[in-house]
Full PDB file with SEQRES, HELIX, SHEET, SSBOND, CRYST1, ORIGX, SCALE, CONECT and MASTER records, all heavy atoms in Angstrom:
SEQRES   1 A   42  GLY ASP TYR SER GLY TYR SER PHE VAL VAL TYR ASP ASP          
SEQRES   2 A   42  GLU ASN GLN THR TRP THR ALA TYR ASP GLN ARG PRO LEU          
SEQRES   3 A   42  GLU LEU HIS LYS LEU PRO GLU GLY ILE GLN LEU GLN LEU          
SEQRES   4 A   42  SER VAL GLU                                                  
SHEET    1 AA1 2 VAL A   9  ASP A  12  0                                        
SHEET    2 AA1 2 THR A  17  ALA A  20 -1                                        
CRYST1    1.000    1.000    1.000  90.00  90.00  90.00 P 1           1          
ORIGX1      1.000000  0.000000  0.000000        0.00000                         
ORIGX2      0.000000  1.000000  0.000000        0.00000                         
ORIGX3      0.000000  0.000000  1.000000        0.00000                         
SCALE1      1.000000  0.000000  0.000000        0.00000                         
SCALE2      0.000000  1.000000  0.000000        0.00000                         
SCALE3      0.000000  0.000000  1.000000        0.00000                         
ATOM      1  N   GLY A   1       0.785  -1.231   0.000  1.00  0.00           N  
ATOM      2  CA  GLY A   1       0.000   0.000   0.000  1.00  0.00           C  
ATOM      3  C   GLY A   1       0.814   1.277   0.000  1.00  0.00           C  
ATOM      4  O   GLY A   1       0.281   2.358  -0.219  1.00  0.00           O  
ATOM      5  N   ASP A   2       2.118   1.189   0.253  1.00  0.00           N  
ATOM      6  CA  ASP A   2       2.973   2.377   0.247  1.00  0.00           C  
ATOM      7  C   ASP A   2       3.247   2.814  -1.184  1.00  0.00           C  
ATOM      8  O   ASP A   2       3.333   1.994  -2.093  1.00  0.00           O  
ATOM      9  CB  ASP A   2       4.309   2.095   0.937  1.00  0.00           C  
ATOM     10  CG  ASP A   2       4.159   1.880   2.429  1.00  0.00           C  
ATOM     11  OD1 ASP A   2       3.162   2.349   3.006  1.00  0.00           O  
ATOM     12  OD2 ASP A   2       5.047   1.228   3.025  1.00  0.00           O  
ATOM     13  N   TYR A   3       3.421   4.120  -1.364  1.00  0.00           N  
ATOM     14  CA  TYR A   3       3.804   4.648  -2.665  1.00  0.00           C  
ATOM     15  C   TYR A   3       5.323   4.627  -2.751  1.00  0.00           C  
ATOM     16  O   TYR A   3       6.010   5.224  -1.934  1.00  0.00           O  
ATOM     17  CB  TYR A   3       3.300   6.073  -2.852  1.00  0.00           C  
ATOM     18  CG  TYR A   3       1.796   6.165  -2.925  1.00  0.00           C  
ATOM     19  CD1 TYR A   3       1.062   6.763  -1.917  1.00  0.00           C  
ATOM     20  CD2 TYR A   3       1.113   5.644  -4.010  1.00  0.00           C  
ATOM     21  CE1 TYR A   3      -0.313   6.846  -1.991  1.00  0.00           C  
ATOM     22  CE2 TYR A   3      -0.266   5.725  -4.094  1.00  0.00           C  
ATOM     23  CZ  TYR A   3      -0.970   6.328  -3.078  1.00  0.00           C  
ATOM     24  OH  TYR A   3      -2.327   6.397  -3.166  1.00  0.00           O  
ATOM     25  N   SER A   4       5.863   3.938  -3.751  1.00  0.00           N  
ATOM     26  CA  SER A   4       7.312   3.803  -3.846  1.00  0.00           C  
ATOM     27  C   SER A   4       7.832   4.069  -5.252  1.00  0.00           C  
ATOM     28  O   SER A   4       8.936   3.705  -5.579  1.00  0.00           O  
ATOM     29  CB  SER A   4       7.726   2.397  -3.422  1.00  0.00           C  
ATOM     30  OG  SER A   4       7.171   1.475  -4.327  1.00  0.00           O  
ATOM     31  N   GLY A   5       7.032   4.703  -6.072  1.00  0.00           N  
ATOM     32  CA  GLY A   5       7.454   5.020  -7.425  1.00  0.00           C  
ATOM     33  C   GLY A   5       6.463   5.972  -8.057  1.00  0.00           C  
ATOM     34  O   GLY A   5       5.459   6.349  -7.443  1.00  0.00           O  
ATOM     35  N   TYR A   6       6.744   6.348  -9.288  1.00  0.00           N  
ATOM     36  CA  TYR A   6       5.856   7.268  -9.992  1.00  0.00           C  
ATOM     37  C   TYR A   6       5.964   7.034 -11.489  1.00  0.00           C  
ATOM     38  O   TYR A   6       6.924   6.439 -11.970  1.00  0.00           O  
ATOM     39  CB  TYR A   6       6.169   8.721  -9.655  1.00  0.00           C  
ATOM     40  CG  TYR A   6       7.602   9.125  -9.882  1.00  0.00           C  
ATOM     41  CD1 TYR A   6       8.022   9.601 -11.119  1.00  0.00           C  
ATOM     42  CD2 TYR A   6       8.542   9.028  -8.866  1.00  0.00           C  
ATOM     43  CE1 TYR A   6       9.331   9.966 -11.330  1.00  0.00           C  
ATOM     44  CE2 TYR A   6       9.854   9.393  -9.063  1.00  0.00           C  
ATOM     45  CZ  TYR A   6      10.246   9.867 -10.300  1.00  0.00           C  
ATOM     46  OH  TYR A   6      11.551  10.225 -10.507  1.00  0.00           O  
ATOM     47  N   SER A   7       4.943   7.490 -12.194  1.00  0.00           N  
ATOM     48  CA  SER A   7       4.941   7.365 -13.646  1.00  0.00           C  
ATOM     49  C   SER A   7       4.199   8.551 -14.248  1.00  0.00           C  
ATOM     50  O   SER A   7       3.473   9.268 -13.560  1.00  0.00           O  
ATOM     51  CB  SER A   7       4.280   6.053 -14.075  1.00  0.00           C  
ATOM     52  OG  SER A   7       2.920   6.042 -13.700  1.00  0.00           O  
ATOM     53  N   PHE A   8       4.385   8.713 -15.536  1.00  0.00           N  
ATOM     54  CA  PHE A   8       3.694   9.763 -16.273  1.00  0.00           C  
ATOM     55  C   PHE A   8       2.785   9.103 -17.303  1.00  0.00           C  
ATOM     56  O   PHE A   8       3.093   8.044 -17.831  1.00  0.00           O  
ATOM     57  CB  PHE A   8       4.699  10.686 -16.971  1.00  0.00           C  
ATOM     58  CG  PHE A   8       5.462  11.551 -16.005  1.00  0.00           C  
ATOM     59  CD1 PHE A   8       6.645  11.107 -15.449  1.00  0.00           C  
ATOM     60  CD2 PHE A   8       4.980  12.788 -15.637  1.00  0.00           C  
ATOM     61  CE1 PHE A   8       7.341  11.883 -14.541  1.00  0.00           C  
ATOM     62  CE2 PHE A   8       5.672  13.578 -14.738  1.00  0.00           C  
ATOM     63  CZ  PHE A   8       6.855  13.119 -14.187  1.00  0.00           C  
ATOM     64  N   VAL A   9       1.662   9.741 -17.554  1.00  0.00           N  
ATOM     65  CA  VAL A   9       0.716   9.271 -18.555  1.00  0.00           C  
ATOM     66  C   VAL A   9       0.410  10.431 -19.494  1.00  0.00           C  
ATOM     67  O   VAL A   9       0.595  11.597 -19.146  1.00  0.00           O  
ATOM     68  CB  VAL A   9      -0.587   8.740 -17.906  1.00  0.00           C  
ATOM     69  CG1 VAL A   9      -0.322   7.456 -17.158  1.00  0.00           C  
ATOM     70  CG2 VAL A   9      -1.213   9.765 -16.994  1.00  0.00           C  
ATOM     71  N   VAL A  10      -0.029  10.098 -20.696  1.00  0.00           N  
ATOM     72  CA  VAL A  10      -0.380  11.106 -21.688  1.00  0.00           C  
ATOM     73  C   VAL A  10      -1.805  10.820 -22.153  1.00  0.00           C  
ATOM     74  O   VAL A  10      -2.218   9.653 -22.251  1.00  0.00           O  
ATOM     75  CB  VAL A  10       0.633  11.136 -22.860  1.00  0.00           C  
ATOM     76  CG1 VAL A  10       0.641   9.848 -23.626  1.00  0.00           C  
ATOM     77  CG2 VAL A  10       0.409  12.331 -23.754  1.00  0.00           C  
ATOM     78  N   TYR A  11      -2.542  11.877 -22.417  1.00  0.00           N  
ATOM     79  CA  TYR A  11      -3.934  11.709 -22.845  1.00  0.00           C  
ATOM     80  C   TYR A  11      -3.984  11.419 -24.333  1.00  0.00           C  
ATOM     81  O   TYR A  11      -3.441  12.159 -25.147  1.00  0.00           O  
ATOM     82  CB  TYR A  11      -4.752  12.955 -22.509  1.00  0.00           C  
ATOM     83  CG  TYR A  11      -6.227  12.766 -22.742  1.00  0.00           C  
ATOM     84  CD1 TYR A  11      -6.960  11.948 -21.906  1.00  0.00           C  
ATOM     85  CD2 TYR A  11      -6.868  13.376 -23.802  1.00  0.00           C  
ATOM     86  CE1 TYR A  11      -8.312  11.751 -22.108  1.00  0.00           C  
ATOM     87  CE2 TYR A  11      -8.214  13.196 -24.020  1.00  0.00           C  
ATOM     88  CZ  TYR A  11      -8.937  12.379 -23.165  1.00  0.00           C  
ATOM     89  OH  TYR A  11     -10.271  12.186 -23.369  1.00  0.00           O  
ATOM     90  N   ASP A  12      -4.644  10.315 -24.689  1.00  0.00           N  
ATOM     91  CA  ASP A  12      -4.827   9.909 -26.080  1.00  0.00           C  
ATOM     92  C   ASP A  12      -6.172  10.458 -26.541  1.00  0.00           C  
ATOM     93  O   ASP A  12      -7.231   9.940 -26.157  1.00  0.00           O  
ATOM     94  CB  ASP A  12      -4.780   8.381 -26.171  1.00  0.00           C  
ATOM     95  CG  ASP A  12      -4.941   7.875 -27.590  1.00  0.00           C  
ATOM     96  OD1 ASP A  12      -5.020   8.696 -28.529  1.00  0.00           O  
ATOM     97  OD2 ASP A  12      -4.990   6.642 -27.759  1.00  0.00           O  
ATOM     98  N   ASP A  13      -6.149  11.517 -27.360  1.00  0.00           N  
ATOM     99  CA  ASP A  13      -7.382  12.161 -27.822  1.00  0.00           C  
ATOM    100  C   ASP A  13      -8.259  11.215 -28.632  1.00  0.00           C  
ATOM    101  O   ASP A  13      -9.481  11.243 -28.516  1.00  0.00           O  
ATOM    102  CB  ASP A  13      -7.055  13.388 -28.684  1.00  0.00           C  
ATOM    103  CG  ASP A  13      -6.540  14.549 -27.861  1.00  0.00           C  
ATOM    104  OD1 ASP A  13      -6.982  14.696 -26.707  1.00  0.00           O  
ATOM    105  OD2 ASP A  13      -5.686  15.305 -28.375  1.00  0.00           O  
ATOM    106  N   GLU A  14      -7.632  10.377 -29.438  1.00  0.00           N  
ATOM    107  CA  GLU A  14      -8.377   9.478 -30.313  1.00  0.00           C  
ATOM    108  C   GLU A  14      -9.217   8.477 -29.517  1.00  0.00           C  
ATOM    109  O   GLU A  14     -10.400   8.278 -29.795  1.00  0.00           O  
ATOM    110  CB  GLU A  14      -7.410   8.736 -31.235  1.00  0.00           C  
ATOM    111  CG  GLU A  14      -8.089   7.927 -32.297  1.00  0.00           C  
ATOM    112  CD  GLU A  14      -7.066   7.325 -33.246  1.00  0.00           C  
ATOM    113  OE1 GLU A  14      -6.215   8.084 -33.761  1.00  0.00           O  
ATOM    114  OE2 GLU A  14      -7.120   6.095 -33.439  1.00  0.00           O  
ATOM    115  N   ASN A  15      -8.599   7.841 -28.513  1.00  0.00           N  
ATOM    116  CA  ASN A  15      -9.296   6.841 -27.705  1.00  0.00           C  
ATOM    117  C   ASN A  15      -9.909   7.421 -26.430  1.00  0.00           C  
ATOM    118  O   ASN A  15     -10.586   6.716 -25.690  1.00  0.00           O  
ATOM    119  CB  ASN A  15      -8.349   5.696 -27.333  1.00  0.00           C  
ATOM    120  CG  ASN A  15      -7.860   4.962 -28.548  1.00  0.00           C  
ATOM    121  OD1 ASN A  15      -8.592   4.784 -29.514  1.00  0.00           O  
ATOM    122  ND2 ASN A  15      -6.608   4.543 -28.516  1.00  0.00           N  
ATOM    123  N   GLN A  16      -9.598   8.673 -26.149  1.00  0.00           N  
ATOM    124  CA  GLN A  16     -10.053   9.373 -24.948  1.00  0.00           C  
ATOM    125  C   GLN A  16      -9.707   8.595 -23.677  1.00  0.00           C  
ATOM    126  O   GLN A  16     -10.548   8.376 -22.808  1.00  0.00           O  
ATOM    127  CB  GLN A  16     -11.544   9.667 -25.028  1.00  0.00           C  
ATOM    128  CG  GLN A  16     -11.886  10.624 -26.142  1.00  0.00           C  
ATOM    129  CD  GLN A  16     -13.342  11.038 -26.146  1.00  0.00           C  
ATOM    130  OE1 GLN A  16     -14.172  10.479 -25.449  1.00  0.00           O  
ATOM    131  NE2 GLN A  16     -13.634  12.055 -26.942  1.00  0.00           N  
ATOM    132  N   THR A  17      -8.435   8.191 -23.596  1.00  0.00           N  
ATOM    133  CA  THR A  17      -7.927   7.479 -22.418  1.00  0.00           C  
ATOM    134  C   THR A  17      -6.540   8.003 -22.060  1.00  0.00           C  
ATOM    135  O   THR A  17      -5.855   8.604 -22.890  1.00  0.00           O  
ATOM    136  CB  THR A  17      -7.814   5.960 -22.675  1.00  0.00           C  
ATOM    137  OG1 THR A  17      -6.924   5.761 -23.782  1.00  0.00           O  
ATOM    138  CG2 THR A  17      -9.156   5.325 -22.950  1.00  0.00           C  
ATOM    139  N   TRP A  18      -6.145   7.749 -20.828  1.00  0.00           N  
ATOM    140  CA  TRP A  18      -4.791   8.053 -20.377  1.00  0.00           C  
ATOM    141  C   TRP A  18      -3.949   6.807 -20.579  1.00  0.00           C  
ATOM    142  O   TRP A  18      -4.315   5.731 -20.123  1.00  0.00           O  
ATOM    143  CB  TRP A  18      -4.791   8.446 -18.900  1.00  0.00           C  
ATOM    144  CG  TRP A  18      -5.455   9.759 -18.652  1.00  0.00           C  
ATOM    145  CD1 TRP A  18      -6.760   9.959 -18.319  1.00  0.00           C  
ATOM    146  CD2 TRP A  18      -4.842  11.036 -18.720  1.00  0.00           C  
ATOM    147  NE1 TRP A  18      -7.000  11.303 -18.188  1.00  0.00           N  
ATOM    148  CE2 TRP A  18      -5.840  11.989 -18.423  1.00  0.00           C  
ATOM    149  CE3 TRP A  18      -3.559  11.481 -19.009  1.00  0.00           C  
ATOM    150  CZ2 TRP A  18      -5.591  13.355 -18.399  1.00  0.00           C  
ATOM    151  CZ3 TRP A  18      -3.309  12.843 -18.985  1.00  0.00           C  
ATOM    152  CH2 TRP A  18      -4.308  13.771 -18.681  1.00  0.00           C  
ATOM    153  N   THR A  19      -2.825   6.954 -21.285  1.00  0.00           N  
ATOM    154  CA  THR A  19      -1.935   5.812 -21.517  1.00  0.00           C  
ATOM    155  C   THR A  19      -0.559   6.102 -20.934  1.00  0.00           C  
ATOM    156  O   THR A  19      -0.132   7.254 -20.860  1.00  0.00           O  
ATOM    157  CB  THR A  19      -1.781   5.511 -23.029  1.00  0.00           C  
ATOM    158  OG1 THR A  19      -1.292   6.679 -23.684  1.00  0.00           O  
ATOM    159  CG2 THR A  19      -3.102   5.106 -23.631  1.00  0.00           C  
ATOM    160  N   ALA A  20       0.107   5.024 -20.532  1.00  0.00           N  
ATOM    161  CA  ALA A  20       1.436   5.163 -19.932  1.00  0.00           C  
ATOM    162  C   ALA A  20       2.400   5.780 -20.934  1.00  0.00           C  
ATOM    163  O   ALA A  20       2.401   5.427 -22.116  1.00  0.00           O  
ATOM    164  CB  ALA A  20       1.950   3.810 -19.475  1.00  0.00           C  
ATOM    165  N   TYR A  21       3.209   6.715 -20.468  1.00  0.00           N  
ATOM    166  CA  TYR A  21       4.233   7.339 -21.301  1.00  0.00           C  
ATOM    167  C   TYR A  21       5.528   6.596 -20.998  1.00  0.00           C  
ATOM    168  O   TYR A  21       6.058   6.684 -19.895  1.00  0.00           O  
ATOM    169  CB  TYR A  21       4.344   8.829 -20.964  1.00  0.00           C  
ATOM    170  CG  TYR A  21       5.118   9.614 -21.977  1.00  0.00           C  
ATOM    171  CD1 TYR A  21       4.533   9.999 -23.170  1.00  0.00           C  
ATOM    172  CD2 TYR A  21       6.436   9.985 -21.738  1.00  0.00           C  
ATOM    173  CE1 TYR A  21       5.233  10.732 -24.107  1.00  0.00           C  
ATOM    174  CE2 TYR A  21       7.141  10.724 -22.679  1.00  0.00           C  
ATOM    175  CZ  TYR A  21       6.537  11.091 -23.859  1.00  0.00           C  
ATOM    176  OH  TYR A  21       7.235  11.819 -24.790  1.00  0.00           O  
ATOM    177  N   ASP A  22       6.034   5.851 -21.963  1.00  0.00           N  
ATOM    178  CA  ASP A  22       7.160   4.964 -21.684  1.00  0.00           C  
ATOM    179  C   ASP A  22       8.481   5.425 -22.294  1.00  0.00           C  
ATOM    180  O   ASP A  22       9.399   4.637 -22.443  1.00  0.00           O  
ATOM    181  CB  ASP A  22       6.839   3.542 -22.135  1.00  0.00           C  
ATOM    182  CG  ASP A  22       6.452   3.475 -23.609  1.00  0.00           C  
ATOM    183  OD1 ASP A  22       6.434   4.526 -24.263  1.00  0.00           O  
ATOM    184  OD2 ASP A  22       6.163   2.363 -24.090  1.00  0.00           O  
ATOM    185  N   GLN A  23       8.602   6.691 -22.639  1.00  0.00           N  
ATOM    186  CA  GLN A  23       9.866   7.193 -23.172  1.00  0.00           C  
ATOM    187  C   GLN A  23      10.702   7.759 -22.033  1.00  0.00           C  
ATOM    188  O   GLN A  23      10.186   8.439 -21.150  1.00  0.00           O  
ATOM    189  CB  GLN A  23       9.612   8.260 -24.232  1.00  0.00           C  
ATOM    190  CG  GLN A  23       8.914   7.703 -25.458  1.00  0.00           C  
ATOM    191  CD  GLN A  23       8.696   8.777 -26.504  1.00  0.00           C  
ATOM    192  OE1 GLN A  23       9.290   9.843 -26.455  1.00  0.00           O  
ATOM    193  NE2 GLN A  23       7.826   8.497 -27.457  1.00  0.00           N  
ATOM    194  N   ARG A  24      11.996   7.464 -22.086  1.00  0.00           N  
ATOM    195  CA  ARG A  24      12.907   7.958 -21.054  1.00  0.00           C  
ATOM    196  C   ARG A  24      12.976   9.465 -21.086  1.00  0.00           C  
ATOM    197  O   ARG A  24      12.893  10.029 -22.135  1.00  0.00           O  
ATOM    198  CB  ARG A  24      14.302   7.383 -21.279  1.00  0.00           C  
ATOM    199  CG  ARG A  24      14.367   5.893 -21.023  1.00  0.00           C  
ATOM    200  CD  ARG A  24      15.782   5.452 -21.078  1.00  0.00           C  
ATOM    201  NE  ARG A  24      16.522   6.154 -20.044  1.00  0.00           N  
ATOM    202  CZ  ARG A  24      17.122   5.582 -19.027  1.00  0.00           C  
ATOM    203  NH1 ARG A  24      17.104   4.304 -18.924  1.00  0.00           N  
ATOM    204  NH2 ARG A  24      17.758   6.278 -18.131  1.00  0.00           N  
ATOM    205  N   PRO A  25      13.104  10.130 -20.008  1.00  0.00           N  
ATOM    206  CA  PRO A  25      13.160   9.693 -18.617  1.00  0.00           C  
ATOM    207  C   PRO A  25      11.794   9.727 -17.922  1.00  0.00           C  
ATOM    208  O   PRO A  25      11.724   9.683 -16.709  1.00  0.00           O  
ATOM    209  CB  PRO A  25      14.088  10.715 -17.993  1.00  0.00           C  
ATOM    210  CG  PRO A  25      13.768  11.983 -18.712  1.00  0.00           C  
ATOM    211  CD  PRO A  25      13.439  11.559 -20.123  1.00  0.00           C  
ATOM    212  N   LEU A  26      10.712   9.796 -18.695  1.00  0.00           N  
ATOM    213  CA  LEU A  26       9.387   9.911 -18.102  1.00  0.00           C  
ATOM    214  C   LEU A  26       8.686   8.569 -17.892  1.00  0.00           C  
ATOM    215  O   LEU A  26       7.519   8.526 -17.535  1.00  0.00           O  
ATOM    216  CB  LEU A  26       8.497  10.821 -18.959  1.00  0.00           C  
ATOM    217  CG  LEU A  26       9.015  12.237 -19.202  1.00  0.00           C  
ATOM    218  CD1 LEU A  26       8.040  13.020 -20.061  1.00  0.00           C  
ATOM    219  CD2 LEU A  26       9.274  12.960 -17.905  1.00  0.00           C  
ATOM    220  N   GLU A  27       9.393   7.467 -18.100  1.00  0.00           N  
ATOM    221  CA  GLU A  27       8.785   6.155 -17.900  1.00  0.00           C  
ATOM    222  C   GLU A  27       8.664   5.860 -16.402  1.00  0.00           C  
ATOM    223  O   GLU A  27       9.147   6.625 -15.570  1.00  0.00           O  
ATOM    224  CB  GLU A  27       9.595   5.056 -18.604  1.00  0.00           C  
ATOM    225  CG  GLU A  27      10.845   4.606 -17.871  1.00  0.00           C  
ATOM    226  CD  GLU A  27      12.055   5.485 -18.111  1.00  0.00           C  
ATOM    227  OE1 GLU A  27      11.949   6.527 -18.747  1.00  0.00           O  
ATOM    228  OE2 GLU A  27      13.142   5.113 -17.640  1.00  0.00           O  
ATOM    229  N   LEU A  28       8.027   4.745 -16.074  1.00  0.00           N  
ATOM    230  CA  LEU A  28       7.846   4.327 -14.684  1.00  0.00           C  
ATOM    231  C   LEU A  28       9.185   4.312 -13.960  1.00  0.00           C  
ATOM    232  O   LEU A  28      10.171   3.781 -14.474  1.00  0.00           O  
ATOM    233  CB  LEU A  28       7.218   2.929 -14.649  1.00  0.00           C  
ATOM    234  CG  LEU A  28       7.140   2.247 -13.287  1.00  0.00           C  
ATOM    235  CD1 LEU A  28       6.190   2.985 -12.373  1.00  0.00           C  
ATOM    236  CD2 LEU A  28       6.719   0.809 -13.457  1.00  0.00           C  
ATOM    237  N   HIS A  29       9.216   4.909 -12.780  1.00  0.00           N  
ATOM    238  CA  HIS A  29      10.454   4.965 -11.995  1.00  0.00           C  
ATOM    239  C   HIS A  29      10.178   4.477 -10.582  1.00  0.00           C  
ATOM    240  O   HIS A  29       9.294   4.986  -9.904  1.00  0.00           O  
ATOM    241  CB  HIS A  29      10.994   6.400 -11.953  1.00  0.00           C  
ATOM    242  CG  HIS A  29      12.258   6.531 -11.171  1.00  0.00           C  
ATOM    243  ND1 HIS A  29      13.460   6.074 -11.636  1.00  0.00           N  
ATOM    244  CD2 HIS A  29      12.494   7.049  -9.949  1.00  0.00           C  
ATOM    245  CE1 HIS A  29      14.393   6.325 -10.729  1.00  0.00           C  
ATOM    246  NE2 HIS A  29      13.824   6.907  -9.693  1.00  0.00           N  
ATOM    247  N   LYS A  30      10.921   3.464 -10.166  1.00  0.00           N  
ATOM    248  CA  LYS A  30      10.837   2.953  -8.796  1.00  0.00           C  
ATOM    249  C   LYS A  30      11.892   3.645  -7.953  1.00  0.00           C  
ATOM    250  O   LYS A  30      13.043   3.769  -8.374  1.00  0.00           O  
ATOM    251  CB  LYS A  30      11.074   1.438  -8.759  1.00  0.00           C  
ATOM    252  CG  LYS A  30      10.013   0.640  -9.478  1.00  0.00           C  
ATOM    253  CD  LYS A  30       8.737   0.637  -8.684  1.00  0.00           C  
ATOM    254  CE  LYS A  30       7.712  -0.251  -9.350  1.00  0.00           C  
ATOM    255  NZ  LYS A  30       6.419  -0.165  -8.736  1.00  0.00           N  
ATOM    256  N   LEU A  31      11.514   4.072  -6.772  1.00  0.00           N  
ATOM    257  CA  LEU A  31      12.439   4.750  -5.871  1.00  0.00           C  
ATOM    258  C   LEU A  31      13.317   3.743  -5.137  1.00  0.00           C  
ATOM    259  O   LEU A  31      12.908   2.594  -4.938  1.00  0.00           O  
ATOM    260  CB  LEU A  31      11.651   5.571  -4.855  1.00  0.00           C  
ATOM    261  CG  LEU A  31      10.858   6.725  -5.439  1.00  0.00           C  
ATOM    262  CD1 LEU A  31       9.954   7.327  -4.382  1.00  0.00           C  
ATOM    263  CD2 LEU A  31      11.764   7.777  -6.015  1.00  0.00           C  
ATOM    264  N   PRO A  32      14.511   4.157  -4.719  1.00  0.00           N  
ATOM    265  CA  PRO A  32      15.364   3.259  -3.930  1.00  0.00           C  
ATOM    266  C   PRO A  32      14.674   2.855  -2.621  1.00  0.00           C  
ATOM    267  O   PRO A  32      13.780   3.544  -2.132  1.00  0.00           O  
ATOM    268  CB  PRO A  32      16.605   4.110  -3.637  1.00  0.00           C  
ATOM    269  CG  PRO A  32      16.619   5.150  -4.699  1.00  0.00           C  
ATOM    270  CD  PRO A  32      15.189   5.416  -5.034  1.00  0.00           C  
ATOM    271  N   GLU A  33      15.111   1.749  -2.082  1.00  0.00           N  
ATOM    272  CA  GLU A  33      14.551   1.198  -0.844  1.00  0.00           C  
ATOM    273  C   GLU A  33      14.505   2.251   0.265  1.00  0.00           C  
ATOM    274  O   GLU A  33      15.479   2.954   0.497  1.00  0.00           O  
ATOM    275  CB  GLU A  33      15.410   0.014  -0.382  1.00  0.00           C  
ATOM    276  CG  GLU A  33      14.871  -0.726   0.800  1.00  0.00           C  
ATOM    277  CD  GLU A  33      13.661  -1.563   0.470  1.00  0.00           C  
ATOM    278  OE1 GLU A  33      13.547  -2.013  -0.684  1.00  0.00           O  
ATOM    279  OE2 GLU A  33      12.832  -1.757   1.364  1.00  0.00           O  
ATOM    280  N   GLY A  34      13.357   2.358   0.909  1.00  0.00           N  
ATOM    281  CA  GLY A  34      13.215   3.252   2.063  1.00  0.00           C  
ATOM    282  C   GLY A  34      12.654   4.624   1.746  1.00  0.00           C  
ATOM    283  O   GLY A  34      12.164   5.301   2.631  1.00  0.00           O  
ATOM    284  N   ILE A  35      12.722   5.069   0.506  1.00  0.00           N  
ATOM    285  CA  ILE A  35      12.193   6.387   0.152  1.00  0.00           C  
ATOM    286  C   ILE A  35      10.705   6.242  -0.156  1.00  0.00           C  
ATOM    287  O   ILE A  35      10.300   5.400  -0.934  1.00  0.00           O  
ATOM    288  CB  ILE A  35      12.939   7.001  -1.050  1.00  0.00           C  
ATOM    289  CG1 ILE A  35      14.416   7.203  -0.706  1.00  0.00           C  
ATOM    290  CG2 ILE A  35      12.297   8.319  -1.450  1.00  0.00           C  
ATOM    291  CD1 ILE A  35      15.248   7.752  -1.839  1.00  0.00           C  
ATOM    292  N   GLN A  36       9.891   7.064   0.494  1.00  0.00           N  
ATOM    293  CA  GLN A  36       8.442   7.026   0.343  1.00  0.00           C  
ATOM    294  C   GLN A  36       7.940   8.351  -0.222  1.00  0.00           C  
ATOM    295  O   GLN A  36       8.617   9.369  -0.119  1.00  0.00           O  
ATOM    296  CB  GLN A  36       7.774   6.788   1.700  1.00  0.00           C  
ATOM    297  CG  GLN A  36       8.130   5.463   2.326  1.00  0.00           C  
ATOM    298  CD  GLN A  36       7.487   4.311   1.605  1.00  0.00           C  
ATOM    299  OE1 GLN A  36       6.322   4.372   1.251  1.00  0.00           O  
ATOM    300  NE2 GLN A  36       8.245   3.251   1.379  1.00  0.00           N  
ATOM    301  N   LEU A  37       6.738   8.325  -0.778  1.00  0.00           N  
ATOM    302  CA  LEU A  37       6.104   9.510  -1.358  1.00  0.00           C  
ATOM    303  C   LEU A  37       4.738   9.741  -0.726  1.00  0.00           C  
ATOM    304  O   LEU A  37       4.042   8.796  -0.372  1.00  0.00           O  
ATOM    305  CB  LEU A  37       5.898   9.317  -2.865  1.00  0.00           C  
ATOM    306  CG  LEU A  37       7.132   9.151  -3.722  1.00  0.00           C  
ATOM    307  CD1 LEU A  37       6.743   8.652  -5.100  1.00  0.00           C  
ATOM    308  CD2 LEU A  37       7.854  10.466  -3.835  1.00  0.00           C  
ATOM    309  N   GLN A  38       4.374  11.017  -0.630  1.00  0.00           N  
ATOM    310  CA  GLN A  38       3.031  11.383  -0.184  1.00  0.00           C  
ATOM    311  C   GLN A  38       2.604  12.589  -1.012  1.00  0.00           C  
ATOM    312  O   GLN A  38       3.316  13.589  -1.087  1.00  0.00           O  
ATOM    313  CB  GLN A  38       3.036  11.725   1.297  1.00  0.00           C  
ATOM    314  CG  GLN A  38       1.675  12.078   1.837  1.00  0.00           C  
ATOM    315  CD  GLN A  38       1.724  12.373   3.322  1.00  0.00           C  
ATOM    316  OE1 GLN A  38       2.790  12.460   3.923  1.00  0.00           O  
ATOM    317  NE2 GLN A  38       0.572  12.537   3.910  1.00  0.00           N  
ATOM    318  N   LEU A  39       1.437  12.487  -1.644  1.00  0.00           N  
ATOM    319  CA  LEU A  39       0.949  13.528  -2.547  1.00  0.00           C  
ATOM    320  C   LEU A  39      -0.284  14.188  -1.967  1.00  0.00           C  
ATOM    321  O   LEU A  39      -1.216  13.513  -1.537  1.00  0.00           O  
ATOM    322  CB  LEU A  39       0.623  12.917  -3.913  1.00  0.00           C  
ATOM    323  CG  LEU A  39       0.089  13.859  -4.980  1.00  0.00           C  
ATOM    324  CD1 LEU A  39       1.119  14.913  -5.348  1.00  0.00           C  
ATOM    325  CD2 LEU A  39      -0.322  13.069  -6.217  1.00  0.00           C  
ATOM    326  N   SER A  40      -0.278  15.514  -1.973  1.00  0.00           N  
ATOM    327  CA  SER A  40      -1.432  16.294  -1.549  1.00  0.00           C  
ATOM    328  C   SER A  40      -1.801  17.211  -2.709  1.00  0.00           C  
ATOM    329  O   SER A  40      -0.978  18.007  -3.165  1.00  0.00           O  
ATOM    330  CB  SER A  40      -1.077  17.109  -0.303  1.00  0.00           C  
ATOM    331  OG  SER A  40      -2.117  17.979   0.018  1.00  0.00           O  
ATOM    332  N   VAL A  41      -3.048  17.068  -3.185  1.00  0.00           N  
ATOM    333  CA  VAL A  41      -3.503  17.839  -4.345  1.00  0.00           C  
ATOM    334  C   VAL A  41      -4.612  18.778  -3.917  1.00  0.00           C  
ATOM    335  O   VAL A  41      -5.533  18.373  -3.200  1.00  0.00           O  
ATOM    336  CB  VAL A  41      -4.007  16.887  -5.461  1.00  0.00           C  
ATOM    337  CG1 VAL A  41      -4.526  17.678  -6.643  1.00  0.00           C  
ATOM    338  CG2 VAL A  41      -2.898  15.953  -5.896  1.00  0.00           C  
ATOM    339  N   GLU A  42      -4.532  20.026  -4.360  1.00  0.00           N  
ATOM    340  CA  GLU A  42      -5.566  21.004  -4.044  1.00  0.00           C  
ATOM    341  C   GLU A  42      -6.872  20.591  -4.712  1.00  0.00           C  
ATOM    342  O   GLU A  42      -6.900  20.260  -5.898  1.00  0.00           O  
ATOM    343  CB  GLU A  42      -5.138  22.375  -4.549  1.00  0.00           C  
ATOM    344  CG  GLU A  42      -6.036  23.503  -4.100  1.00  0.00           C  
ATOM    345  CD  GLU A  42      -5.487  24.840  -4.536  1.00  0.00           C  
ATOM    346  OE1 GLU A  42      -4.391  25.201  -4.070  1.00  0.00           O  
ATOM    347  OE2 GLU A  42      -6.157  25.506  -5.339  1.00  0.00           O  
TER     348      GLU A  42                                                      
MASTER        0    0    0    0    2    0    0    6  347    1    0    4          
END                                                                             
């Protein structure tokens, strides 16, 4: 349940869905052991 990585997605206008963006350096990134994330959005 802990957040230990992050990824970017891009909106596909044609299919009207969010798809994973897999080009470096915006692809899925796992953080090193012990580093945690917490996100607060307005």
